[in-house]
Amino acid sequence: MKLIDAVIARLQVLMKQKGATIYSLNREGGIAKSTLSQLFNRKQEKVSLNLLYDILSTMDVTLKDFFDDPIFDEVNE
């Protein structure tokens, strides 16, 4: 699995758990809807650490909690 696929999958799980949507991340976190759409539609091959931090902060999730998940054991490229 590619790193970007693991990141997106993990974000989707957390968003579902937290009841977050692209709209709420935009409204509450000030993250551009276009940026979020490009990320979740896999139009980007990379995600910046700053963007990831902003998304996670909006959902009250730490980087440690984000990356402490078995999905990242499956990353091989």
PDB file of N, CA and C in Angstrom:
ATOM      1  N   MET A   1       0.845  -1.174   0.000  1.00  0.00           N
ATOM      2  CA  MET A   1       0.000   0.000   0.000  1.00  0.00           C
ATOM      3  C   MET A   1       0.893   1.241   0.000  1.00  0.00           C
ATOM      4  N   LYS A   2       0.477   2.230  -0.768  1.00  0.00           N
ATOM      5  CA  LYS A   2       1.193   3.503  -0.782  1.00  0.00           C
ATOM      6  C   LYS A   2       0.881   4.304   0.475  1.00  0.00           C
ATOM      7  N   LEU A   3       1.831   5.117   0.879  1.00  0.00           N
ATOM      8  CA  LEU A   3       1.654   5.939   2.072  1.00  0.00           C
ATOM      9  C   LEU A   3       0.430   6.841   1.946  1.00  0.00           C
ATOM     10  N   ILE A   4       0.246   7.476   0.791  1.00  0.00           N
ATOM     11  CA  ILE A   4      -0.883   8.389   0.615  1.00  0.00           C
ATOM     12  C   ILE A   4      -2.210   7.641   0.785  1.00  0.00           C
ATOM     13  N   ASP A   5      -2.275   6.382   0.322  1.00  0.00           N
ATOM     14  CA  ASP A   5      -3.502   5.594   0.465  1.00  0.00           C
ATOM     15  C   ASP A   5      -3.772   5.275   1.933  1.00  0.00           C
ATOM     16  N   ALA A   6      -2.718   4.978   2.693  1.00  0.00           N
ATOM     17  CA  ALA A   6      -2.874   4.706   4.122  1.00  0.00           C
ATOM     18  C   ALA A   6      -3.322   5.963   4.858  1.00  0.00           C
ATOM     19  N   VAL A   7      -2.743   7.105   4.504  1.00  0.00           N
ATOM     20  CA  VAL A   7      -3.112   8.369   5.143  1.00  0.00           C
ATOM     21  C   VAL A   7      -4.576   8.685   4.878  1.00  0.00           C
ATOM     22  N   ILE A   8      -4.997   8.559   3.634  1.00  0.00           N
ATOM     23  CA  ILE A   8      -6.390   8.864   3.288  1.00  0.00           C
ATOM     24  C   ILE A   8      -7.345   7.889   3.977  1.00  0.00           C
ATOM     25  N   ALA A   9      -7.009   6.611   3.980  1.00  0.00           N
ATOM     26  CA  ALA A   9      -7.863   5.623   4.634  1.00  0.00           C
ATOM     27  C   ALA A   9      -7.993   5.922   6.128  1.00  0.00           C
ATOM     28  N   ARG A  10      -6.883   6.258   6.760  1.00  0.00           N
ATOM     29  CA  ARG A  10      -6.907   6.577   8.191  1.00  0.00           C
ATOM     30  C   ARG A  10      -7.729   7.836   8.455  1.00  0.00           C
ATOM     31  N   LEU A  11      -7.556   8.845   7.604  1.00  0.00           N
ATOM     32  CA  LEU A  11      -8.345  10.070   7.757  1.00  0.00           C
ATOM     33  C   LEU A  11      -9.839   9.776   7.620  1.00  0.00           C
ATOM     34  N   GLN A  12     -10.197   8.944   6.667  1.00  0.00           N
ATOM     35  CA  GLN A  12     -11.609   8.633   6.460  1.00  0.00           C
ATOM     36  C   GLN A  12     -12.215   7.930   7.668  1.00  0.00           C
ATOM     37  N   VAL A  13     -11.456   7.015   8.276  1.00  0.00           N
ATOM     38  CA  VAL A  13     -11.936   6.335   9.480  1.00  0.00           C
ATOM     39  C   VAL A  13     -12.147   7.345  10.603  1.00  0.00           C
ATOM     40  N   LEU A  14     -11.157   8.207  10.810  1.00  0.00           N
ATOM     41  CA  LEU A  14     -11.257   9.204  11.874  1.00  0.00           C
ATOM     42  C   LEU A  14     -12.390  10.193  11.620  1.00  0.00           C
ATOM     43  N   MET A  15     -12.556  10.593  10.374  1.00  0.00           N
ATOM     44  CA  MET A  15     -13.636  11.515  10.044  1.00  0.00           C
ATOM     45  C   MET A  15     -14.987  10.888  10.358  1.00  0.00           C
ATOM     46  N   LYS A  16     -15.142   9.618  10.033  1.00  0.00           N
ATOM     47  CA  LYS A  16     -16.396   8.931  10.324  1.00  0.00           C
ATOM     48  C   LYS A  16     -16.615   8.861  11.835  1.00  0.00           C
ATOM     49  N   GLN A  17     -15.560   8.512  12.583  1.00  0.00           N
ATOM     50  CA  GLN A  17     -15.666   8.421  14.037  1.00  0.00           C
ATOM     51  C   GLN A  17     -16.011   9.761  14.667  1.00  0.00           C
ATOM     52  N   LYS A  18     -15.449  10.834  14.125  1.00  0.00           N
ATOM     53  CA  LYS A  18     -15.629  12.165  14.708  1.00  0.00           C
ATOM     54  C   LYS A  18     -16.813  12.910  14.107  1.00  0.00           C
ATOM     55  N   GLY A  19     -17.443  12.332  13.090  1.00  0.00           N
ATOM     56  CA  GLY A  19     -18.551  13.008  12.432  1.00  0.00           C
ATOM     57  C   GLY A  19     -18.107  14.205  11.607  1.00  0.00           C
ATOM     58  N   ALA A  20     -16.875  14.163  11.136  1.00  0.00           N
ATOM     59  CA  ALA A  20     -16.325  15.273  10.349  1.00  0.00           C
ATOM     60  C   ALA A  20     -16.579  15.063   8.862  1.00  0.00           C
ATOM     61  N   THR A  21     -16.710  16.173   8.166  1.00  0.00           N
ATOM     62  CA  THR A  21     -16.886  16.158   6.713  1.00  0.00           C
ATOM     63  C   THR A  21     -15.916  17.167   6.106  1.00  0.00           C
ATOM     64  N   ILE A  22     -15.800  17.141   4.800  1.00  0.00           N
ATOM     65  CA  ILE A  22     -14.966  18.145   4.128  1.00  0.00           C
ATOM     66  C   ILE A  22     -15.487  19.538   4.478  1.00  0.00           C
ATOM     67  N   TYR A  23     -16.798  19.671   4.514  1.00  0.00           N
ATOM     68  CA  TYR A  23     -17.384  20.965   4.847  1.00  0.00           C
ATOM     69  C   TYR A  23     -16.998  21.407   6.264  1.00  0.00           C
ATOM     70  N   SER A  24     -17.091  20.486   7.235  1.00  0.00           N
ATOM     71  CA  SER A  24     -16.769  20.874   8.612  1.00  0.00           C
ATOM     72  C   SER A  24     -15.279  21.156   8.787  1.00  0.00           C
ATOM     73  N   LEU A  25     -14.432  20.416   8.082  1.00  0.00           N
ATOM     74  CA  LEU A  25     -12.993  20.693   8.146  1.00  0.00           C
ATOM     75  C   LEU A  25     -12.689  22.071   7.558  1.00  0.00           C
ATOM     76  N   ASN A  26     -13.416  22.417   6.518  1.00  0.00           N
ATOM     77  CA  ASN A  26     -13.253  23.741   5.913  1.00  0.00           C
ATOM     78  C   ASN A  26     -13.747  24.821   6.861  1.00  0.00           C
ATOM     79  N   ARG A  27     -14.935  24.646   7.374  1.00  0.00           N
ATOM     80  CA  ARG A  27     -15.569  25.657   8.222  1.00  0.00           C
ATOM     81  C   ARG A  27     -14.841  25.812   9.557  1.00  0.00           C
ATOM     82  N   GLU A  28     -14.552  24.705  10.215  1.00  0.00           N
ATOM     83  CA  GLU A  28     -13.952  24.763  11.550  1.00  0.00           C
ATOM     84  C   GLU A  28     -12.435  24.905  11.525  1.00  0.00           C
ATOM     85  N   GLY A  29     -11.798  24.340  10.493  1.00  0.00           N
ATOM     86  CA  GLY A  29     -10.340  24.357  10.445  1.00  0.00           C
ATOM     87  C   GLY A  29      -9.751  25.363   9.482  1.00  0.00           C
ATOM     88  N   GLY A  30     -10.622  25.981   8.675  1.00  0.00           N
ATOM     89  CA  GLY A  30     -10.132  26.953   7.712  1.00  0.00           C
ATOM     90  C   GLY A  30      -9.328  26.333   6.576  1.00  0.00           C
ATOM     91  N   ILE A  31      -9.533  25.059   6.333  1.00  0.00           N
ATOM     92  CA  ILE A  31      -8.812  24.356   5.268  1.00  0.00           C
ATOM     93  C   ILE A  31      -9.633  24.465   3.989  1.00  0.00           C
ATOM     94  N   ALA A  32      -8.995  24.876   2.919  1.00  0.00           N
ATOM     95  CA  ALA A  32      -9.701  25.097   1.650  1.00  0.00           C
ATOM     96  C   ALA A  32     -10.401  23.819   1.191  1.00  0.00           C
ATOM     97  N   LYS A  33     -11.681  23.963   0.791  1.00  0.00           N
ATOM     98  CA  LYS A  33     -12.428  22.805   0.303  1.00  0.00           C
ATOM     99  C   LYS A  33     -11.752  22.188  -0.910  1.00  0.00           C
ATOM    100  N   SER A  34     -11.170  23.017  -1.763  1.00  0.00           N
ATOM    101  CA  SER A  34     -10.497  22.494  -2.956  1.00  0.00           C
ATOM    102  C   SER A  34      -9.300  21.628  -2.572  1.00  0.00           C
ATOM    103  N   THR A  35      -8.571  22.035  -1.554  1.00  0.00           N
ATOM    104  CA  THR A  35      -7.419  21.252  -1.088  1.00  0.00           C
ATOM    105  C   THR A  35      -7.880  19.908  -0.543  1.00  0.00           C
ATOM    106  N   LEU A  36      -8.930  19.927   0.269  1.00  0.00           N
ATOM    107  CA  LEU A  36      -9.470  18.691   0.826  1.00  0.00           C
ATOM    108  C   LEU A  36     -10.024  17.787  -0.263  1.00  0.00           C
ATOM    109  N   SER A  37     -10.731  18.355  -1.215  1.00  0.00           N
ATOM    110  CA  SER A  37     -11.286  17.565  -2.319  1.00  0.00           C
ATOM    111  C   SER A  37     -10.188  16.909  -3.139  1.00  0.00           C
ATOM    112  N   GLN A  38      -9.145  17.663  -3.430  1.00  0.00           N
ATOM    113  CA  GLN A  38      -8.019  17.096  -4.193  1.00  0.00           C
ATOM    114  C   GLN A  38      -7.373  15.946  -3.432  1.00  0.00           C
ATOM    115  N   LEU A  39      -7.228  16.106  -2.134  1.00  0.00           N
ATOM    116  CA  LEU A  39      -6.632  15.046  -1.315  1.00  0.00           C
ATOM    117  C   LEU A  39      -7.502  13.801  -1.329  1.00  0.00           C
ATOM    118  N   PHE A  40      -8.779  13.937  -1.008  1.00  0.00           N
ATOM    119  CA  PHE A  40      -9.647  12.776  -0.885  1.00  0.00           C
ATOM    120  C   PHE A  40     -10.036  12.159  -2.233  1.00  0.00           C
ATOM    121  N   ASN A  41      -9.899  12.917  -3.301  1.00  0.00           N
ATOM    122  CA  ASN A  41     -10.132  12.363  -4.646  1.00  0.00           C
ATOM    123  C   ASN A  41      -8.846  11.851  -5.270  1.00  0.00           C
ATOM    124  N   ARG A  42      -7.788  11.811  -4.456  1.00  0.00           N
ATOM    125  CA  ARG A  42      -6.472  11.269  -4.844  1.00  0.00           C
ATOM    126  C   ARG A  42      -5.875  11.987  -6.050  1.00  0.00           C
ATOM    127  N   LYS A  43      -6.110  13.282  -6.106  1.00  0.00           N
ATOM    128  CA  LYS A  43      -5.499  14.091  -7.154  1.00  0.00           C
ATOM    129  C   LYS A  43      -4.109  14.555  -6.729  1.00  0.00           C
ATOM    130  N   GLN A  44      -3.759  14.284  -5.467  1.00  0.00           N
ATOM    131  CA  GLN A  44      -2.436  14.599  -4.942  1.00  0.00           C
ATOM    132  C   GLN A  44      -1.749  13.291  -4.574  1.00  0.00           C
ATOM    133  N   GLU A  45      -0.475  13.188  -4.871  1.00  0.00           N
ATOM    134  CA  GLU A  45       0.295  12.011  -4.491  1.00  0.00           C
ATOM    135  C   GLU A  45       0.949  12.169  -3.130  1.00  0.00           C
ATOM    136  N   LYS A  46       0.967  13.403  -2.626  1.00  0.00           N
ATOM    137  CA  LYS A  46       1.607  13.682  -1.351  1.00  0.00           C
ATOM    138  C   LYS A  46       0.726  14.619  -0.543  1.00  0.00           C
ATOM    139  N   VAL A  47       0.876  14.520   0.774  1.00  0.00           N
ATOM    140  CA  VAL A  47       0.174  15.442   1.666  1.00  0.00           C
ATOM    141  C   VAL A  47       1.231  16.048   2.579  1.00  0.00           C
ATOM    142  N   SER A  48       1.183  17.356   2.729  1.00  0.00           N
ATOM    143  CA  SER A  48       2.175  18.007   3.584  1.00  0.00           C
ATOM    144  C   SER A  48       1.859  17.719   5.045  1.00  0.00           C
ATOM    145  N   LEU A  49       2.886  17.719   5.843  1.00  0.00           N
ATOM    146  CA  LEU A  49       2.713  17.506   7.272  1.00  0.00           C
ATOM    147  C   LEU A  49       1.885  18.635   7.877  1.00  0.00           C
ATOM    148  N   ASN A  50       2.048  19.844   7.368  1.00  0.00           N
ATOM    149  CA  ASN A  50       1.264  20.981   7.863  1.00  0.00           C
ATOM    150  C   ASN A  50      -0.226  20.786   7.588  1.00  0.00           C
ATOM    151  N   LEU A  51      -0.565  20.325   6.393  1.00  0.00           N
ATOM    152  CA  LEU A  51      -1.967  20.080   6.061  1.00  0.00           C
ATOM    153  C   LEU A  51      -2.529  18.964   6.938  1.00  0.00           C
ATOM    154  N   LEU A  52      -1.777  17.886   7.077  1.00  0.00           N
ATOM    155  CA  LEU A  52      -2.221  16.781   7.914  1.00  0.00           C
ATOM    156  C   LEU A  52      -2.438  17.251   9.351  1.00  0.00           C
ATOM    157  N   TYR A  53      -1.520  18.042   9.855  1.00  0.00           N
ATOM    158  CA  TYR A  53      -1.640  18.577  11.215  1.00  0.00           C
ATOM    159  C   TYR A  53      -2.898  19.440  11.351  1.00  0.00           C
ATOM    160  N   ASP A  54      -3.164  20.280  10.356  1.00  0.00           N
ATOM    161  CA  ASP A  54      -4.358  21.137  10.402  1.00  0.00           C
ATOM    162  C   ASP A  54      -5.639  20.306  10.411  1.00  0.00           C
ATOM    163  N   ILE A  55      -5.678  19.268   9.584  1.00  0.00           N
ATOM    164  CA  ILE A  55      -6.856  18.402   9.530  1.00  0.00           C
ATOM    165  C   ILE A  55      -7.055  17.701  10.874  1.00  0.00           C
ATOM    166  N   LEU A  56      -5.975  17.135  11.381  1.00  0.00           N
ATOM    167  CA  LEU A  56      -6.063  16.397  12.638  1.00  0.00           C
ATOM    168  C   LEU A  56      -6.411  17.307  13.803  1.00  0.00           C
ATOM    169  N   SER A  57      -5.824  18.490  13.833  1.00  0.00           N
ATOM    170  CA  SER A  57      -6.109  19.437  14.912  1.00  0.00           C
ATOM    171  C   SER A  57      -7.582  19.815  14.930  1.00  0.00           C
ATOM    172  N   THR A  58      -8.159  19.952  13.768  1.00  0.00           N
ATOM    173  CA  THR A  58      -9.580  20.288  13.666  1.00  0.00           C
ATOM    174  C   THR A  58     -10.440  19.189  14.281  1.00  0.00           C
ATOM    175  N   MET A  59      -9.964  17.945  14.192  1.00  0.00           N
ATOM    176  CA  MET A  59     -10.712  16.817  14.758  1.00  0.00           C
ATOM    177  C   MET A  59     -10.222  16.441  16.161  1.00  0.00           C
ATOM    178  N   ASP A  60      -9.318  17.234  16.727  1.00  0.00           N
ATOM    179  CA  ASP A  60      -8.742  16.944  18.051  1.00  0.00           C
ATOM    180  C   ASP A  60      -8.043  15.585  18.102  1.00  0.00           C
ATOM    181  N   VAL A  61      -7.247  15.309  17.070  1.00  0.00           N
ATOM    182  CA  VAL A  61      -6.466  14.078  16.993  1.00  0.00           C
ATOM    183  C   VAL A  61      -4.993  14.474  16.919  1.00  0.00           C
ATOM    184  N   THR A  62      -4.154  13.816  17.700  1.00  0.00           N
ATOM    185  CA  THR A  62      -2.717  14.110  17.661  1.00  0.00           C
ATOM    186  C   THR A  62      -2.048  13.326  16.531  1.00  0.00           C
ATOM    187  N   LEU A  63      -0.897  13.801  16.116  1.00  0.00           N
ATOM    188  CA  LEU A  63      -0.123  13.073  15.111  1.00  0.00           C
ATOM    189  C   LEU A  63       0.237  11.683  15.628  1.00  0.00           C
ATOM    190  N   LYS A  64       0.579  11.598  16.903  1.00  0.00           N
ATOM    191  CA  LYS A  64       0.928  10.302  17.487  1.00  0.00           C
ATOM    192  C   LYS A  64      -0.245   9.332  17.377  1.00  0.00           C
ATOM    193  N   ASP A  65      -1.433   9.783  17.748  1.00  0.00           N
ATOM    194  CA  ASP A  65      -2.611   8.919  17.659  1.00  0.00           C
ATOM    195  C   ASP A  65      -2.929   8.555  16.206  1.00  0.00           C
ATOM    196  N   PHE A  66      -2.702   9.491  15.318  1.00  0.00           N
ATOM    197  CA  PHE A  66      -2.977   9.237  13.899  1.00  0.00           C
ATOM    198  C   PHE A  66      -2.091   8.114  13.372  1.00  0.00           C
ATOM    199  N   PHE A  67      -0.794   8.225  13.616  1.00  0.00           N
ATOM    200  CA  PHE A  67       0.145   7.257  13.046  1.00  0.00           C
ATOM    201  C   PHE A  67       0.247   5.967  13.856  1.00  0.00           C
ATOM    202  N   ASP A  68      -0.333   5.936  15.045  1.00  0.00           N
ATOM    203  CA  ASP A  68      -0.309   4.738  15.873  1.00  0.00           C
ATOM    204  C   ASP A  68      -1.479   3.839  15.483  1.00  0.00           C
ATOM    205  N   ASP A  69      -1.410   3.328  14.258  1.00  0.00           N
ATOM    206  CA  ASP A  69      -2.479   2.497  13.720  1.00  0.00           C
ATOM    207  C   ASP A  69      -1.859   1.420  12.834  1.00  0.00           C
ATOM    208  N   PRO A  70      -2.367   0.216  12.874  1.00  0.00           N
ATOM    209  CA  PRO A  70      -1.791  -0.885  12.091  1.00  0.00           C
ATOM    210  C   PRO A  70      -1.787  -0.675  10.579  1.00  0.00           C
ATOM    211  N   ILE A  71      -2.627   0.224  10.081  1.00  0.00           N
ATOM    212  CA  ILE A  71      -2.652   0.452   8.632  1.00  0.00           C
ATOM    213  C   ILE A  71      -1.278   0.893   8.124  1.00  0.00           C
ATOM    214  N   PHE A  72      -0.518   1.582   8.966  1.00  0.00           N
ATOM    215  CA  PHE A  72       0.781   2.058   8.524  1.00  0.00           C
ATOM    216  C   PHE A  72       1.827   0.952   8.481  1.00  0.00           C
ATOM    217  N   ASP A  73       1.512  -0.214   9.051  1.00  0.00           N
ATOM    218  CA  ASP A  73       2.390  -1.376   8.916  1.00  0.00           C
ATOM    219  C   ASP A  73       2.322  -1.946   7.505  1.00  0.00           C
ATOM    220  N   GLU A  74       1.265  -1.613   6.789  1.00  0.00           N
ATOM    221  CA  GLU A  74       1.056  -2.139   5.436  1.00  0.00           C
ATOM    222  C   GLU A  74       1.716  -1.274   4.356  1.00  0.00           C
ATOM    223  N   VAL A  75       2.277  -0.132   4.736  1.00  0.00           N
ATOM    224  CA  VAL A  75       2.902   0.770   3.753  1.00  0.00           C
ATOM    225  C   VAL A  75       4.200   0.142   3.260  1.00  0.00           C
ATOM    226  N   ASN A  76       4.304   0.041   1.934  1.00  0.00           N
ATOM    227  CA  ASN A  76       5.514  -0.525   1.355  1.00  0.00           C
ATOM    228  C   ASN A  76       6.096   0.324   0.224  1.00  0.00           C
ATOM    229  N   GLU A  77       5.494   1.452  -0.029  1.00  0.00           N
ATOM    230  CA  GLU A  77       6.071   2.370  -1.012  1.00  0.00           C
ATOM    231  C   GLU A  77       5.615   3.783  -0.782  1.00  0.00           C
TER     232      GLU A  77
END
